């Protein structure tokens, strides 16, 4: 039971997926610092290509070079190549140096790269404030959802403590139906949220820890209720509902461990797995 992955009933369960390495590299390159680093690398690589090309007669030359172009190319220094590379990627085009032969292809590629990086750099600067606003909105929405679930759980737990359900074979329990529905709603919400890699950035971990404890308590109460009715037959809807409840609480706990903080939620998750195992053992005796 400890190694069993939870299954959502009437839904396709999927564990949280980390973005692929290529996506993480692209995200880093899109950051302002990454764009500056890419631009610097492009400048130095292009400058080295120009300088190497000068040794073979296809680098850069002063625009007003003498007729013996090959001799002029060989006298161009690396500093001049670096200067030409900076001017080229910035698309300034002072005109005091010009590429010859294969260096024209390098210069054309550097200009194209410079235009792309300049556009991405400006868009990142402009979107930084909206990104912070979006994060704040997402955090507010996430906290609102946590509080809504906690309010419903609190009312349900109070009702279960004050009026424990009497499990009967003739008719299903309305309280188990409510518990199953709420646990499944929480699991589905966090399953969908776990598809977003930035989930851990905008959740309030203290509130999530309390929610984690309350869904664990919900499962624990139902284990106690089933234990108190040991030996009695249960309605098939109650058996199905208790299985959905157990799987949903386990799935929610697994999302917290995998997508938010393994170190913070692992001990509570182990308790959830223990309770789910007890619930499964009790239900096997009733079927």
Protein backbone atom coordinates (compact mmCIF):
# COMPACT_ATOMS: atom_id res chain seq x y z
CA UNK A 1 0.00 0.00 0.00
CA UNK A 2 2.86 2.37 0.75
CA UNK A 3 4.01 2.21 -2.89
CA UNK A 4 0.57 2.44 -4.48
CA UNK A 5 -0.09 5.61 -6.43
CA UNK A 6 -3.55 7.06 -5.80
CA UNK A 7 -6.21 6.75 -8.50
CA UNK A 8 -8.96 9.30 -9.03
CA UNK A 9 -12.36 7.82 -9.67
CA UNK A 10 -14.00 9.16 -12.84
CA UNK A 11 -10.91 11.23 -13.61
CA UNK A 12 -7.53 10.69 -15.15
CA UNK A 13 -4.91 10.96 -12.46
CA UNK A 14 -1.51 12.21 -13.48
CA UNK A 15 1.47 12.83 -11.22
CA UNK A 16 3.04 16.29 -11.38
CA UNK A 17 5.53 16.59 -14.22
CA UNK A 18 8.65 18.70 -14.13
CA UNK A 19 9.28 20.73 -17.28
CA UNK A 20 11.84 19.15 -19.64
CA UNK A 21 15.44 20.34 -19.62
CA UNK A 22 15.00 22.23 -22.90
CA UNK A 23 12.05 24.15 -21.42
CA UNK A 24 14.07 25.04 -18.30
CA UNK A 25 16.97 26.27 -20.46
CA UNK A 26 14.59 28.36 -22.57
CA UNK A 27 13.01 29.86 -19.44
CA UNK A 28 16.45 30.77 -18.09
CA UNK A 29 17.46 32.30 -21.41
CA UNK A 30 14.28 34.39 -21.45
CA UNK A 31 15.21 35.98 -18.14
CA UNK A 32 16.88 39.39 -18.37
CA UNK A 33 20.18 38.06 -17.02
CA UNK A 34 20.06 35.13 -19.44
CA UNK A 35 19.50 37.45 -22.39
CA UNK A 36 22.50 39.59 -21.40
CA UNK A 37 24.63 36.46 -21.05
CA UNK A 38 23.52 35.20 -24.49
CA UNK A 39 24.31 38.58 -26.04
CA UNK A 40 27.78 38.64 -24.47
CA UNK A 41 28.48 35.09 -25.66
CA UNK A 42 27.34 35.98 -29.17
CA UNK A 43 29.60 39.05 -29.24
CA UNK A 44 32.72 37.17 -28.12
CA UNK A 45 32.10 34.13 -30.33
CA UNK A 46 31.54 36.34 -33.36
CA UNK A 47 34.63 38.40 -32.54
CA UNK A 48 36.74 35.22 -32.38
CA UNK A 49 35.33 34.10 -35.72
CA UNK A 50 36.21 37.44 -37.30
CA UNK A 51 39.69 37.29 -35.78
CA UNK A 52 40.29 33.70 -36.91
CA UNK A 53 38.98 34.60 -40.34
CA UNK A 54 41.48 37.44 -40.58
CA UNK A 55 44.22 34.82 -40.60
CA UNK A 56 42.67 33.19 -43.66
CA UNK A 57 41.75 36.31 -45.60
CA UNK A 58 38.00 36.43 -44.92
CA UNK A 59 37.66 38.53 -41.71
CA UNK A 60 37.01 42.25 -41.52
CA UNK A 61 38.84 45.18 -43.08
CA UNK A 62 38.70 48.96 -42.66
CA UNK A 63 36.19 50.40 -45.09
CA UNK A 64 38.83 52.58 -46.71
CA UNK A 65 41.41 49.79 -46.94
CA UNK A 66 44.22 49.81 -49.48
CA UNK A 67 43.97 47.71 -52.61
CA UNK A 68 45.89 44.80 -51.05
CA UNK A 69 42.89 43.58 -49.06
CA UNK A 70 44.40 40.30 -47.84
CA UNK A 71 47.33 42.08 -46.23
CA UNK A 72 44.97 44.53 -44.55
CA UNK A 73 42.82 41.67 -43.19
CA UNK A 74 45.81 40.00 -41.57
CA UNK A 75 46.70 43.18 -39.65
CA UNK A 76 43.29 43.53 -37.90
CA UNK A 77 43.57 42.92 -34.12
CA UNK A 78 41.16 41.07 -31.83
CA UNK A 79 40.16 44.35 -30.16
CA UNK A 80 39.06 45.69 -33.54
CA UNK A 81 37.12 42.48 -34.18
CA UNK A 82 35.44 42.81 -30.78
CA UNK A 83 34.55 46.44 -31.55
CA UNK A 84 33.07 45.42 -34.91
CA UNK A 85 31.09 42.61 -33.25
CA UNK A 86 29.56 45.01 -30.70
CA UNK A 87 28.63 47.50 -33.40
CA UNK A 88 27.16 44.74 -35.56
CA UNK A 89 24.97 43.08 -32.89
CA UNK A 90 23.68 46.52 -31.87
CA UNK A 91 22.85 47.17 -35.55
CA UNK A 92 24.59 50.56 -35.33
CA UNK A 93 26.66 50.13 -38.48
CA UNK A 94 29.23 52.95 -38.20
CA UNK A 95 30.80 51.84 -41.48
CA UNK A 96 34.44 52.12 -40.43
CA UNK A 97 34.89 48.33 -40.81
CA UNK A 98 33.26 45.90 -43.20
CA UNK A 99 33.18 42.10 -43.46
CA UNK A 100 34.62 40.31 -46.45
CA UNK A 101 33.89 36.87 -47.89
CA UNK A 102 32.60 34.38 -45.25
CA UNK A 103 32.62 37.04 -42.52
CA UNK A 104 29.50 38.48 -44.15
CA UNK A 105 27.57 35.33 -43.15
CA UNK A 106 28.80 35.68 -39.57
CA UNK A 107 27.80 39.35 -39.52
CA UNK A 108 24.35 38.59 -40.95
CA UNK A 109 23.73 35.92 -38.30
CA UNK A 110 24.93 38.25 -35.55
CA UNK A 111 22.57 41.02 -36.71
CA UNK A 112 19.61 38.59 -36.73
CA UNK A 113 20.52 37.34 -33.25
CA UNK A 114 20.89 40.91 -32.00
CA UNK A 115 17.44 41.89 -33.27
CA UNK A 116 15.81 38.85 -31.64
CA UNK A 117 17.58 39.34 -28.30
CA UNK A 118 16.81 43.06 -28.26
CA UNK A 119 13.12 42.35 -28.77
CA UNK A 120 13.03 39.67 -26.05
CA UNK A 121 15.00 41.90 -23.67
CA UNK A 122 12.56 44.80 -24.06
CA UNK A 123 9.53 42.50 -23.68
CA UNK A 124 10.98 41.04 -20.47
CA UNK A 125 11.59 44.47 -18.99
CA UNK A 126 8.07 45.60 -19.89
CA UNK A 127 6.40 42.43 -18.55
CA UNK A 128 8.20 42.25 -15.19
CA UNK A 129 5.63 44.33 -13.33
CA UNK A 130 2.62 42.50 -14.87
CA UNK A 131 4.31 39.19 -13.94
CA UNK A 132 4.50 40.29 -10.31
CA UNK A 133 0.85 41.32 -10.47
CA UNK A 134 -0.13 37.95 -11.96
CA UNK A 135 1.77 36.13 -9.21
CA UNK A 136 -0.02 38.20 -6.58
CA UNK A 137 -3.40 37.43 -8.16
CA UNK A 138 -2.59 33.70 -8.35
CA UNK A 139 -1.48 33.71 -4.72
CA UNK A 140 -4.70 35.44 -3.69
CA UNK A 141 -6.81 32.96 -5.65
CA UNK A 142 -4.90 30.01 -4.20
CA UNK A 143 -5.30 31.28 -0.64
CA UNK A 144 -9.01 31.89 -1.24
CA UNK A 145 -9.45 28.31 -2.44
CA UNK A 146 -7.54 26.94 0.56
CA UNK A 147 -9.72 28.94 2.95
CA UNK A 148 -12.90 27.83 1.17
CA UNK A 149 -11.88 24.17 1.46
CA UNK A 150 -10.88 24.65 5.10
CA UNK A 151 -14.23 26.23 5.95
CA UNK A 152 -16.10 23.32 4.38
CA UNK A 153 -13.83 20.80 6.09
CA UNK A 154 -14.29 22.48 9.47
CA UNK A 155 -18.08 22.30 9.19
CA UNK A 156 -17.94 18.69 8.02
CA UNK A 157 -15.53 17.62 10.78
CA UNK A 158 -17.70 19.28 13.46
CA UNK A 159 -20.75 17.44 12.10
CA UNK A 160 -18.91 14.10 12.07
CA UNK A 161 -17.70 14.57 15.66
CA UNK A 162 -21.09 15.64 17.02
CA UNK A 163 -23.22 13.28 14.92
CA UNK A 164 -21.20 10.24 13.81
CA UNK A 165 -22.92 8.43 10.94
CA UNK A 166 -24.70 5.16 11.68
CA UNK A 167 -23.58 2.89 8.86
CA UNK A 168 -26.31 0.57 7.65
CA UNK A 169 -26.54 -2.02 4.91
CA UNK A 170 -30.03 -0.86 3.87
CA UNK A 171 -29.30 2.78 3.05
CA UNK A 172 -26.19 4.86 2.33
CA UNK A 173 -24.88 7.55 4.67
CA UNK A 174 -25.29 11.15 3.59
CA UNK A 175 -22.25 12.21 5.61
CA UNK A 176 -19.98 9.78 3.77
CA UNK A 177 -21.36 11.10 0.50
CA UNK A 178 -20.53 14.67 1.56
CA UNK A 179 -17.05 13.67 2.73
CA UNK A 180 -16.36 11.84 -0.50
CA UNK A 181 -17.49 14.80 -2.61
CA UNK A 182 -15.39 17.33 -0.70
CA UNK A 183 -12.27 15.14 -0.65
CA UNK A 184 -12.58 14.51 -4.39
CA UNK A 185 -13.08 18.24 -5.12
CA UNK A 186 -9.91 19.10 -3.17
CA UNK A 187 -7.93 16.35 -4.92
CA UNK A 188 -9.07 17.43 -8.37
CA UNK A 189 -8.27 21.07 -7.67
CA UNK A 190 -4.72 20.34 -6.55
CA UNK A 191 -4.21 17.76 -9.28
CA UNK A 192 -4.92 20.46 -11.86
CA UNK A 193 -2.81 23.02 -10.00
CA UNK A 194 0.12 20.59 -9.83
CA UNK A 195 0.41 20.78 -13.63
CA UNK A 196 1.74 24.32 -13.16
CA UNK A 197 5.47 24.30 -12.29
CA UNK A 198 5.15 27.53 -10.28
CA UNK A 199 2.64 26.06 -7.80
CA UNK A 200 5.15 26.20 -4.91
CA UNK A 201 5.80 29.89 -5.60
CA UNK A 202 2.32 31.22 -4.91
CA UNK A 203 0.86 28.87 -2.29
CA UNK A 204 0.88 29.92 1.34
CA UNK A 205 2.53 26.93 2.94
CA UNK A 206 1.17 27.50 6.42
CA UNK A 207 -2.42 27.42 5.14
CA UNK A 208 -1.67 24.39 2.97
CA UNK A 209 -0.15 22.62 6.02
CA UNK A 210 -3.37 23.21 7.96
CA UNK A 211 -5.45 21.97 5.03
CA UNK A 212 -3.20 18.91 4.84
CA UNK A 213 -3.81 18.22 8.51
CA UNK A 214 -7.58 18.63 8.15
CA UNK A 215 -7.94 16.24 5.18
CA UNK A 216 -5.82 13.76 7.15
CA UNK A 217 -8.16 14.17 10.10
CA UNK A 218 -11.14 13.61 7.79
CA UNK A 219 -9.70 10.28 6.70
CA UNK A 220 -8.80 9.39 10.29
CA UNK A 221 -12.36 10.03 11.50
CA UNK A 222 -13.79 7.77 8.81
CA UNK A 223 -11.32 5.03 9.72
CA UNK A 224 -12.53 5.30 13.33
CA UNK A 225 -16.18 5.21 12.22
CA UNK A 226 -15.61 2.10 10.10
CA UNK A 227 -13.68 0.48 12.96
CA UNK A 228 -16.58 1.14 15.35
CA UNK A 229 -18.90 -0.67 12.92
CA UNK A 230 -16.64 -3.71 12.72
CA UNK A 231 -18.55 -6.81 11.67
CA UNK A 232 -21.50 -4.95 10.15
CA UNK A 233 -22.36 -4.99 6.48
CA UNK A 234 -22.09 -1.65 4.72
CA UNK A 235 -24.13 -0.26 1.87
CA UNK A 236 -22.26 -0.59 -1.41
CA UNK A 237 -22.46 3.18 -1.98
CA UNK A 238 -20.75 3.73 1.39
CA UNK A 239 -18.00 1.27 0.50
CA UNK A 240 -17.43 2.99 -2.84
CA UNK A 241 -17.54 6.42 -1.18
CA UNK A 242 -14.99 5.45 1.45
CA UNK A 243 -12.64 4.19 -1.26
CA UNK A 244 -12.96 7.45 -3.17
CA UNK A 245 -12.37 9.39 0.06
CA UNK A 246 -9.22 7.39 0.86
CA UNK A 247 -7.80 7.69 -2.67
CA UNK A 248 -8.60 11.40 -2.87
CA UNK A 249 -6.94 12.26 0.45
CA UNK A 250 -3.88 10.21 -0.57
CA UNK A 251 -3.72 11.97 -3.93
CA UNK A 252 -3.97 15.41 -2.35
CA UNK A 253 -1.21 14.57 0.10
CA UNK A 254 0.97 13.27 -2.73
CA UNK A 255 0.57 16.54 -4.65
CA UNK A 256 1.69 18.50 -1.59
CA UNK A 257 4.78 16.30 -1.28
CA UNK A 258 5.72 16.25 -4.98
CA UNK A 259 4.81 19.79 -6.01
CA UNK A 260 5.28 21.99 -2.93
CA UNK A 261 7.67 20.63 -0.31
CA UNK A 262 8.71 17.01 0.19
CA UNK A 263 10.57 17.77 3.45
CA UNK A 264 7.62 19.65 4.97
CA UNK A 265 4.80 17.28 4.04
CA UNK A 266 6.49 13.84 3.94
CA UNK A 267 5.75 12.93 7.62
CA UNK A 268 2.07 13.81 7.23
CA UNK A 269 1.97 11.87 3.96
CA UNK A 270 3.27 8.77 5.73
CA UNK A 271 0.38 9.07 8.19
CA UNK A 272 -2.08 9.38 5.30
CA UNK A 273 -0.66 6.22 3.72
CA UNK A 274 -1.03 4.38 7.04
CA UNK A 275 -4.67 5.46 7.38
CA UNK A 276 -5.40 4.55 3.75
CA UNK A 277 -3.96 1.09 4.36
CA UNK A 278 -6.21 0.65 7.40
CA UNK A 279 -9.23 1.81 5.42
CA UNK A 280 -8.44 -0.61 2.59
CA UNK A 281 -8.05 -3.49 5.06
CA UNK A 282 -11.44 -2.71 6.67
CA UNK A 283 -13.22 -2.42 3.32
CA UNK A 284 -11.80 -5.71 2.05
CA UNK A 285 -13.55 -7.45 4.94
CA UNK A 286 -16.89 -5.89 3.95
CA UNK A 287 -16.84 -7.05 0.31
